[in-house]
């Protein structure tokens, strides 16, 4: 009778796990986030099977200890996945920034060349800034404008 109860409990847990897998598609969670619960379930089943000939207290203790150990192992593995993904994302982001900077540089170089390939001449004009006379003391300033001819 007790074996039947443990089998029913394991079947119910497996059903919940499979329902959780389909629910993750709705909630848009990753499959790797289900690794720890799946390992916990597997550990519980393995612990229950390993202690099948023992008394109820020993079987319950073995099942719980195996489930907790497998769950913690799953958490450790999931953490490694998350750290690896963060490193890959940062590397891709840095590469994208680098490529964008290079593209901007070469676009700027093409913009400043004439049709026959000679560089264009540019001048920098300095314009003084005039401030309103509202009684506020300001530091004299000027604006520099680059003009390409």
C-alpha atoms as a PDB file:
ATOM      1  CA  UNK A   1       0.000   0.000   0.000  1.00  0.00           C
ATOM      2  CA  UNK A   2       2.787   2.389   0.899  1.00  0.00           C
ATOM      3  CA  UNK A   3       4.605   1.607  -2.322  1.00  0.00           C
ATOM      4  CA  UNK A   4       1.416   2.486  -4.200  1.00  0.00           C
ATOM      5  CA  UNK A   5       1.250   5.833  -2.368  1.00  0.00           C
ATOM      6  CA  UNK A   6       4.873   6.650  -3.265  1.00  0.00           C
ATOM      7  CA  UNK A   7       4.229   5.642  -6.888  1.00  0.00           C
ATOM      8  CA  UNK A   8       1.139   7.858  -7.052  1.00  0.00           C
ATOM      9  CA  UNK A   9       3.070  10.728  -5.496  1.00  0.00           C
ATOM     10  CA  UNK A  10       5.862  10.307  -8.050  1.00  0.00           C
ATOM     11  CA  UNK A  11       3.348  10.184 -10.921  1.00  0.00           C
ATOM     12  CA  UNK A  12       1.603  13.321  -9.646  1.00  0.00           C
ATOM     13  CA  UNK A  13       4.945  15.119  -9.352  1.00  0.00           C
ATOM     14  CA  UNK A  14       5.876  14.081 -12.894  1.00  0.00           C
ATOM     15  CA  UNK A  15       2.516  15.357 -14.134  1.00  0.00           C
ATOM     16  CA  UNK A  16       3.050  18.680 -12.406  1.00  0.00           C
ATOM     17  CA  UNK A  17       6.508  18.885 -13.955  1.00  0.00           C
ATOM     18  CA  UNK A  18       5.136  18.265 -17.442  1.00  0.00           C
ATOM     19  CA  UNK A  19       2.423  20.861 -16.890  1.00  0.00           C
ATOM     20  CA  UNK A  20       5.150  23.240 -15.750  1.00  0.00           C
ATOM     21  CA  UNK A  21       7.044  22.617 -18.989  1.00  0.00           C
ATOM     22  CA  UNK A  22       4.038  23.629 -21.069  1.00  0.00           C
ATOM     23  CA  UNK A  23       3.400  26.602 -18.788  1.00  0.00           C
ATOM     24  CA  UNK A  24       6.928  27.856 -19.363  1.00  0.00           C
ATOM     25  CA  UNK A  25       6.129  28.347 -23.029  1.00  0.00           C
ATOM     26  CA  UNK A  26       3.280  30.612 -21.996  1.00  0.00           C
ATOM     27  CA  UNK A  27       5.270  32.476 -19.348  1.00  0.00           C
ATOM     28  CA  UNK A  28       8.339  32.631 -21.652  1.00  0.00           C
ATOM     29  CA  UNK A  29      10.794  31.205 -19.156  1.00  0.00           C
ATOM     30  CA  UNK A  30      13.801  29.249 -20.315  1.00  0.00           C
ATOM     31  CA  UNK A  31      14.030  25.478 -20.173  1.00  0.00           C
ATOM     32  CA  UNK A  32      17.257  25.772 -18.173  1.00  0.00           C
ATOM     33  CA  UNK A  33      15.250  27.254 -15.287  1.00  0.00           C
ATOM     34  CA  UNK A  34      13.477  23.896 -14.953  1.00  0.00           C
ATOM     35  CA  UNK A  35      16.718  21.993 -14.496  1.00  0.00           C
ATOM     36  CA  UNK A  36      16.803  22.249 -10.703  1.00  0.00           C
ATOM     37  CA  UNK A  37      13.197  21.058 -10.161  1.00  0.00           C
ATOM     38  CA  UNK A  38      13.688  18.228 -12.647  1.00  0.00           C
ATOM     39  CA  UNK A  39      16.884  17.113 -10.923  1.00  0.00           C
ATOM     40  CA  UNK A  40      15.116  17.402  -7.561  1.00  0.00           C
ATOM     41  CA  UNK A  41      12.335  15.126  -8.793  1.00  0.00           C
ATOM     42  CA  UNK A  42      14.860  12.666 -10.210  1.00  0.00           C
ATOM     43  CA  UNK A  43      16.789  12.699  -6.955  1.00  0.00           C
ATOM     44  CA  UNK A  44      13.622  12.058  -4.966  1.00  0.00           C
ATOM     45  CA  UNK A  45      12.724   9.106  -7.163  1.00  0.00           C
ATOM     46  CA  UNK A  46      16.273   7.735  -6.977  1.00  0.00           C
ATOM     47  CA  UNK A  47      16.333   8.137  -3.185  1.00  0.00           C
ATOM     48  CA  UNK A  48      12.967   6.431  -2.876  1.00  0.00           C
ATOM     49  CA  UNK A  49      14.126   3.563  -5.059  1.00  0.00           C
ATOM     50  CA  UNK A  50      17.418   3.195  -3.185  1.00  0.00           C
ATOM     51  CA  UNK A  51      15.608   2.897   0.158  1.00  0.00           C
ATOM     52  CA  UNK A  52      12.730   0.711  -1.049  1.00  0.00           C
ATOM     53  CA  UNK A  53      13.483  -2.114   1.383  1.00  0.00           C
ATOM     54  CA  UNK A  54      13.898   0.141   4.453  1.00  0.00           C
ATOM     55  CA  UNK A  55      11.290   1.301   6.954  1.00  0.00           C
ATOM     56  CA  UNK A  56       9.133   4.375   6.273  1.00  0.00           C
ATOM     57  CA  UNK A  57      11.243   6.883   8.224  1.00  0.00           C
ATOM     58  CA  UNK A  58      14.457   5.850   6.495  1.00  0.00           C
ATOM     59  CA  UNK A  59      12.778   5.889   3.089  1.00  0.00           C
ATOM     60  CA  UNK A  60      11.365   9.354   3.722  1.00  0.00           C
ATOM     61  CA  UNK A  61      14.738  10.654   4.916  1.00  0.00           C
ATOM     62  CA  UNK A  62      16.557   9.156   1.923  1.00  0.00           C
ATOM     63  CA  UNK A  63      13.986  10.570  -0.486  1.00  0.00           C
ATOM     64  CA  UNK A  64      14.178  14.050   1.029  1.00  0.00           C
ATOM     65  CA  UNK A  65      17.959  14.105   1.202  1.00  0.00           C
ATOM     66  CA  UNK A  66      18.325  12.923  -2.398  1.00  0.00           C
ATOM     67  CA  UNK A  67      15.747  15.464  -3.595  1.00  0.00           C
ATOM     68  CA  UNK A  68      17.456  18.337  -1.743  1.00  0.00           C
ATOM     69  CA  UNK A  69      20.906  17.342  -2.976  1.00  0.00           C
ATOM     70  CA  UNK A  70      19.779  17.015  -6.585  1.00  0.00           C
ATOM     71  CA  UNK A  71      17.890  20.319  -6.391  1.00  0.00           C
ATOM     72  CA  UNK A  72      20.981  22.120  -5.065  1.00  0.00           C
ATOM     73  CA  UNK A  73      23.057  20.559  -7.852  1.00  0.00           C
ATOM     74  CA  UNK A  74      20.522  21.883 -10.356  1.00  0.00           C
ATOM     75  CA  UNK A  75      20.736  25.363  -8.835  1.00  0.00           C
ATOM     76  CA  UNK A  76      24.525  25.254  -9.127  1.00  0.00           C
ATOM     77  CA  UNK A  77      24.330  24.232 -12.797  1.00  0.00           C
ATOM     78  CA  UNK A  78      21.698  26.895 -13.580  1.00  0.00           C
ATOM     79  CA  UNK A  79      23.908  29.577 -12.011  1.00  0.00           C
ATOM     80  CA  UNK A  80      26.735  28.517 -14.325  1.00  0.00           C
ATOM     81  CA  UNK A  81      24.402  28.851 -17.322  1.00  0.00           C
ATOM     82  CA  UNK A  82      23.396  32.362 -16.275  1.00  0.00           C
ATOM     83  CA  UNK A  83      26.991  33.520 -15.773  1.00  0.00           C
ATOM     84  CA  UNK A  84      28.054  32.098 -19.133  1.00  0.00           C
ATOM     85  CA  UNK A  85      25.152  33.818 -20.893  1.00  0.00           C
ATOM     86  CA  UNK A  86      26.038  37.142 -19.275  1.00  0.00           C
ATOM     87  CA  UNK A  87      29.646  36.824 -20.468  1.00  0.00           C
ATOM     88  CA  UNK A  88      28.534  35.981 -24.017  1.00  0.00           C
ATOM     89  CA  UNK A  89      26.113  38.906 -24.072  1.00  0.00           C
ATOM     90  CA  UNK A  90      28.794  41.345 -22.914  1.00  0.00           C
ATOM     91  CA  UNK A  91      31.278  40.067 -25.508  1.00  0.00           C
ATOM     92  CA  UNK A  92      28.698  40.457 -28.285  1.00  0.00           C
ATOM     93  CA  UNK A  93      27.721  43.906 -27.078  1.00  0.00           C
ATOM     94  CA  UNK A  94      31.356  45.071 -27.036  1.00  0.00           C
ATOM     95  CA  UNK A  95      31.927  43.683 -30.529  1.00  0.00           C
ATOM     96  CA  UNK A  96      28.848  45.497 -31.814  1.00  0.00           C
ATOM     97  CA  UNK A  97      30.017  48.785 -30.301  1.00  0.00           C
ATOM     98  CA  UNK A  98      33.428  48.343 -31.886  1.00  0.00           C
ATOM     99  CA  UNK A  99      31.956  47.644 -35.331  1.00  0.00           C
ATOM    100  CA  UNK A 100      29.629  50.646 -35.076  1.00  0.00           C
ATOM    101  CA  UNK A 101      32.555  52.908 -34.251  1.00  0.00           C
ATOM    102  CA  UNK A 102      34.531  51.621 -37.240  1.00  0.00           C
ATOM    103  CA  UNK A 103      31.563  52.100 -39.567  1.00  0.00           C
ATOM    104  CA  UNK A 104      31.083  55.654 -38.321  1.00  0.00           C
ATOM    105  CA  UNK A 105      34.779  56.419 -38.834  1.00  0.00           C
ATOM    106  CA  UNK A 106      34.805  55.201 -42.440  1.00  0.00           C
ATOM    107  CA  UNK A 107      31.539  56.987 -43.187  1.00  0.00           C
ATOM    108  CA  UNK A 108      33.098  60.189 -41.876  1.00  0.00           C
ATOM    109  CA  UNK A 109      36.175  59.623 -44.048  1.00  0.00           C
ATOM    110  CA  UNK A 110      34.060  59.076 -47.184  1.00  0.00           C
ATOM    111  CA  UNK A 111      32.014  62.141 -46.436  1.00  0.00           C
ATOM    112  CA  UNK A 112      35.131  64.331 -46.425  1.00  0.00           C
ATOM    113  CA  UNK A 113      36.538  63.179 -49.762  1.00  0.00           C
ATOM    114  CA  UNK A 114      35.731  64.657 -53.158  1.00  0.00           C
ATOM    115  CA  UNK A 115      34.695  62.741 -56.245  1.00  0.00           C
ATOM    116  CA  UNK A 116      38.271  62.314 -57.541  1.00  0.00           C
ATOM    117  CA  UNK A 117      39.596  61.023 -54.209  1.00  0.00           C
ATOM    118  CA  UNK A 118      41.352  64.168 -52.984  1.00  0.00           C
ATOM    119  CA  UNK A 119      40.530  65.230 -49.464  1.00  0.00           C
ATOM    120  CA  UNK A 120      38.327  68.261 -49.142  1.00  0.00           C
ATOM    121  CA  UNK A 121      39.480  71.425 -47.481  1.00  0.00           C
ATOM    122  CA  UNK A 122      37.842  72.385 -44.234  1.00  0.00           C
ATOM    123  CA  UNK A 123      38.010  75.521 -42.144  1.00  0.00           C
ATOM    124  CA  UNK A 124      37.154  76.142 -38.538  1.00  0.00           C
ATOM    125  CA  UNK A 125      35.390  79.413 -37.768  1.00  0.00           C
ATOM    126  CA  UNK A 126      35.229  80.849 -34.279  1.00  0.00           C
ATOM    127  CA  UNK A 127      32.098  82.797 -33.410  1.00  0.00           C
ATOM    128  CA  UNK A 128      31.741  84.729 -30.162  1.00  0.00           C
ATOM    129  CA  UNK A 129      28.681  83.978 -28.068  1.00  0.00           C
ATOM    130  CA  UNK A 130      26.531  86.935 -27.088  1.00  0.00           C
ATOM    131  CA  UNK A 131      24.578  86.670 -23.877  1.00  0.00           C
ATOM    132  CA  UNK A 132      21.523  88.708 -22.893  1.00  0.00           C
ATOM    133  CA  UNK A 133      22.155  91.612 -20.560  1.00  0.00           C
ATOM    134  CA  UNK A 134      20.108  90.382 -17.611  1.00  0.00           C
ATOM    135  CA  UNK A 135      22.603  91.253 -14.902  1.00  0.00           C
ATOM    136  CA  UNK A 136      24.126  87.787 -14.646  1.00  0.00           C
ATOM    137  CA  UNK A 137      27.891  87.662 -14.955  1.00  0.00           C
ATOM    138  CA  UNK A 138      29.003  85.078 -17.517  1.00  0.00           C
ATOM    139  CA  UNK A 139      32.378  83.942 -18.758  1.00  0.00           C
ATOM    140  CA  UNK A 140      33.052  85.027 -22.338  1.00  0.00           C
ATOM    141  CA  UNK A 141      32.725  82.051 -24.648  1.00  0.00           C
ATOM    142  CA  UNK A 142      32.906  81.170 -28.319  1.00  0.00           C
ATOM    143  CA  UNK A 143      31.589  78.450 -30.626  1.00  0.00           C
ATOM    144  CA  UNK A 144      33.799  76.609 -33.121  1.00  0.00           C
ATOM    145  CA  UNK A 145      32.152  75.583 -36.404  1.00  0.00           C
ATOM    146  CA  UNK A 146      33.847  73.290 -38.944  1.00  0.00           C
ATOM    147  CA  UNK A 147      32.958  74.083 -42.557  1.00  0.00           C
ATOM    148  CA  UNK A 148      33.980  71.733 -45.381  1.00  0.00           C
ATOM    149  CA  UNK A 149      34.519  73.367 -48.777  1.00  0.00           C
END
